[in-house]
N, C-alpha and C. Protein backbone atom coordinates (compact mmCIF):
# COMPACT_ATOMS: atom_id res chain seq x y z
N UNK A 1 0.90 -1.08 0.34
CA UNK A 1 0.08 0.15 -0.04
C UNK A 1 0.97 1.39 -0.01
N UNK A 2 1.94 1.33 0.72
CA UNK A 2 2.89 2.41 1.00
C UNK A 2 3.52 2.63 -0.16
N UNK A 3 3.52 1.48 -1.28
CA UNK A 3 4.38 1.71 -2.46
C UNK A 3 3.43 2.17 -3.65
N UNK A 4 2.41 2.01 -3.56
CA UNK A 4 1.64 2.26 -4.28
C UNK A 4 1.14 3.97 -4.13
N UNK A 5 1.01 4.52 -2.97
CA UNK A 5 1.23 5.74 -2.32
C UNK A 5 2.32 6.77 -3.02
N UNK A 6 3.58 6.01 -2.80
CA UNK A 6 4.55 6.52 -3.39
C UNK A 6 4.63 6.86 -4.74
N UNK A 7 4.14 5.65 -5.74
CA UNK A 7 4.13 5.67 -6.93
C UNK A 7 3.26 6.99 -7.70
N UNK A 8 2.16 7.08 -7.01
CA UNK A 8 1.12 7.97 -7.54
C UNK A 8 1.57 9.36 -6.98
N UNK A 9 2.57 9.42 -6.06
CA UNK A 9 3.10 10.82 -5.76
C UNK A 9 3.76 11.22 -6.95
N UNK A 10 4.64 10.12 -7.12
CA UNK A 10 5.87 10.27 -8.31
C UNK A 10 5.41 10.54 -9.50
N UNK A 11 4.11 9.99 -10.12
CA UNK A 11 3.45 10.30 -11.22
C UNK A 11 2.75 11.72 -11.40
N UNK A 12 2.18 12.01 -10.04
CA UNK A 12 1.51 13.35 -9.77
C UNK A 12 2.74 14.54 -10.14
N UNK A 13 3.78 14.06 -9.36
CA UNK A 13 4.80 15.54 -9.26
C UNK A 13 5.58 15.34 -10.85
N UNK A 14 5.45 14.39 -11.53
CA UNK A 14 6.18 14.37 -13.05
C UNK A 14 5.49 14.97 -13.79
N UNK A 15 3.79 14.96 -13.69
CA UNK A 15 2.76 15.33 -14.47
C UNK A 15 2.64 17.08 -14.30
N UNK A 16 2.96 17.35 -13.15
CA UNK A 16 2.96 18.74 -12.60
C UNK A 16 4.34 19.52 -13.37
N UNK A 17 5.43 18.73 -13.30
CA UNK A 17 6.57 19.54 -13.62
C UNK A 17 6.81 19.43 -15.44
N UNK A 18 5.86 18.26 -15.91
CA UNK A 18 5.83 18.18 -17.11
C UNK A 18 4.86 19.57 -17.77
N UNK A 19 4.07 19.63 -16.86
CA UNK A 19 2.88 20.82 -17.46
C UNK A 19 3.74 21.98 -17.31
N UNK A 20 4.31 22.48 -16.35
CA UNK A 20 5.27 23.70 -15.98
C UNK A 20 6.59 23.87 -17.03
N UNK A 21 6.95 22.78 -17.81
CA UNK A 21 7.76 22.81 -19.01
C UNK A 21 7.29 23.28 -20.15
N UNK A 22 5.84 22.66 -20.32
CA UNK A 22 5.25 22.97 -21.69
C UNK A 22 4.88 24.20 -21.80
N UNK A 23 4.11 24.89 -20.47
CA UNK A 23 3.89 26.42 -20.47
C UNK A 23 4.95 27.15 -20.69
N UNK A 24 6.19 26.87 -19.96
CA UNK A 24 7.31 27.70 -20.18
C UNK A 24 7.87 27.89 -21.83
N UNK A 25 7.79 26.73 -22.13
CA UNK A 25 8.12 26.49 -23.60
C UNK A 25 7.21 27.60 -24.58
N UNK A 26 6.08 27.28 -24.39
CA UNK A 26 5.04 28.08 -25.06
C UNK A 26 5.09 29.43 -24.79
N UNK A 27 5.72 30.03 -23.43
CA UNK A 27 5.52 31.45 -23.18
C UNK A 27 6.84 32.02 -23.83
N UNK A 28 8.05 31.33 -24.12
CA UNK A 28 9.41 31.68 -25.01
C UNK A 28 9.05 31.94 -26.05
N UNK A 29 8.27 30.82 -26.77
CA UNK A 29 8.06 30.79 -28.11
C UNK A 29 6.94 31.83 -28.88
N UNK A 30 6.60 33.02 -27.92
CA UNK A 30 5.62 33.88 -28.31
C UNK A 30 5.97 34.41 -29.77
N UNK A 31 7.26 34.91 -29.90
CA UNK A 31 7.89 35.81 -30.89
C UNK A 31 8.85 35.11 -31.69
N UNK A 32 8.70 35.45 -32.85
CA UNK A 32 9.94 34.73 -33.87
C UNK A 32 10.81 35.63 -34.30
N UNK A 33 11.74 35.27 -34.96
CA UNK A 33 13.00 35.70 -35.47
C UNK A 33 12.51 35.74 -37.17
N UNK A 34 13.04 36.78 -38.03
CA UNK A 34 12.73 36.71 -39.31
C UNK A 34 13.11 35.56 -39.85
N UNK A 35 14.13 34.94 -39.58
CA UNK A 35 14.89 33.90 -40.10
C UNK A 35 13.65 32.52 -39.82
N UNK A 36 13.29 32.43 -38.68
CA UNK A 36 12.39 31.28 -38.28
C UNK A 36 11.00 31.62 -39.17
N UNK A 37 10.53 32.56 -39.16
CA UNK A 37 9.44 33.00 -40.27
C UNK A 37 9.51 32.58 -41.81
N UNK A 38 10.51 32.79 -42.19
CA UNK A 38 11.24 32.41 -43.28
C UNK A 38 11.32 30.87 -43.41
N UNK A 39 11.96 30.33 -42.49
CA UNK A 39 12.00 28.83 -42.79
C UNK A 39 10.62 28.24 -42.76
N UNK A 40 9.79 28.92 -42.10
CA UNK A 40 8.34 28.06 -41.93
C UNK A 40 7.48 28.52 -43.22
N UNK A 41 8.10 29.26 -44.35
CA UNK A 41 7.28 29.30 -45.24
C UNK A 41 6.75 30.45 -45.56
N UNK A 42 6.94 31.57 -44.51
CA UNK A 42 6.23 32.86 -44.53
C UNK A 42 7.14 34.00 -44.89
N UNK A 43 6.57 35.39 -45.17
CA UNK A 43 7.21 36.35 -45.08
C UNK A 43 7.00 37.31 -43.97
N UNK A 44 7.97 37.94 -43.68
CA UNK A 44 7.83 39.20 -42.57
C UNK A 44 7.12 40.29 -43.24
N UNK A 45 5.99 40.76 -42.48
CA UNK A 45 5.26 42.07 -42.82
C UNK A 45 5.73 43.37 -41.73
N UNK A 46 7.02 43.91 -42.33
CA UNK A 46 7.44 44.86 -40.78
C UNK A 46 6.48 46.04 -40.73
N UNK A 47 5.34 46.14 -41.53
CA UNK A 47 4.35 47.21 -41.06
C UNK A 47 3.80 47.02 -39.62
N UNK A 48 3.34 45.67 -39.44
CA UNK A 48 2.82 45.05 -38.38
C UNK A 48 3.49 44.15 -37.49
N UNK A 49 4.86 43.68 -37.79
CA UNK A 49 5.88 42.95 -36.99
C UNK A 49 5.10 41.42 -37.19
N UNK A 50 4.54 41.22 -38.22
CA UNK A 50 4.07 39.72 -37.85
C UNK A 50 4.36 38.86 -39.18
N UNK A 51 4.28 37.66 -38.89
CA UNK A 51 4.92 36.73 -40.03
C UNK A 51 3.46 36.51 -40.86
N UNK A 52 3.72 36.66 -42.12
CA UNK A 52 2.56 36.58 -43.06
C UNK A 52 2.52 35.31 -43.90
N UNK A 53 1.80 34.26 -43.79
CA UNK A 53 1.56 32.96 -44.74
C UNK A 53 2.19 31.89 -43.98
N UNK A 54 2.89 30.75 -44.46
CA UNK A 54 3.56 29.86 -43.62
C UNK A 54 3.07 29.10 -42.44
N UNK A 55 3.58 28.22 -41.53
CA UNK A 55 3.41 27.63 -40.49
C UNK A 55 3.25 28.78 -39.48
N UNK A 56 3.68 29.90 -39.39
CA UNK A 56 3.99 30.92 -38.25
C UNK A 56 3.08 31.63 -38.60
N UNK A 57 2.15 31.69 -39.48
CA UNK A 57 1.08 32.62 -39.98
C UNK A 57 0.35 33.79 -38.67
N UNK A 58 0.80 34.87 -38.59
CA UNK A 58 -0.04 35.70 -37.51
C UNK A 58 0.96 35.96 -36.43
N UNK A 59 2.05 35.22 -36.16
CA UNK A 59 2.74 35.43 -35.19
C UNK A 59 3.57 36.73 -35.17
N UNK A 60 4.00 37.40 -33.68
CA UNK A 60 4.98 38.41 -33.96
C UNK A 60 6.36 37.92 -34.53
N UNK A 61 7.02 38.88 -34.67
CA UNK A 61 8.50 38.81 -35.47
C UNK A 61 9.19 39.93 -34.69
N UNK A 62 10.20 39.52 -33.96
CA UNK A 62 11.17 40.58 -33.34
C UNK A 62 11.86 41.32 -34.50
């Protein structure tokens, strides 16, 4: 019984840590470099600082 509780606690901790990592990655990937926009098949619209077309369409460009 004690082992089962320990395993449940380990899985819960791992799940929460993974959730924190994915949200941190999402937060840092909010803006692109011009090269990333172009590699994704888009073009940079400097008037609005966004990526037009491709896989990153609509995302902000630094």
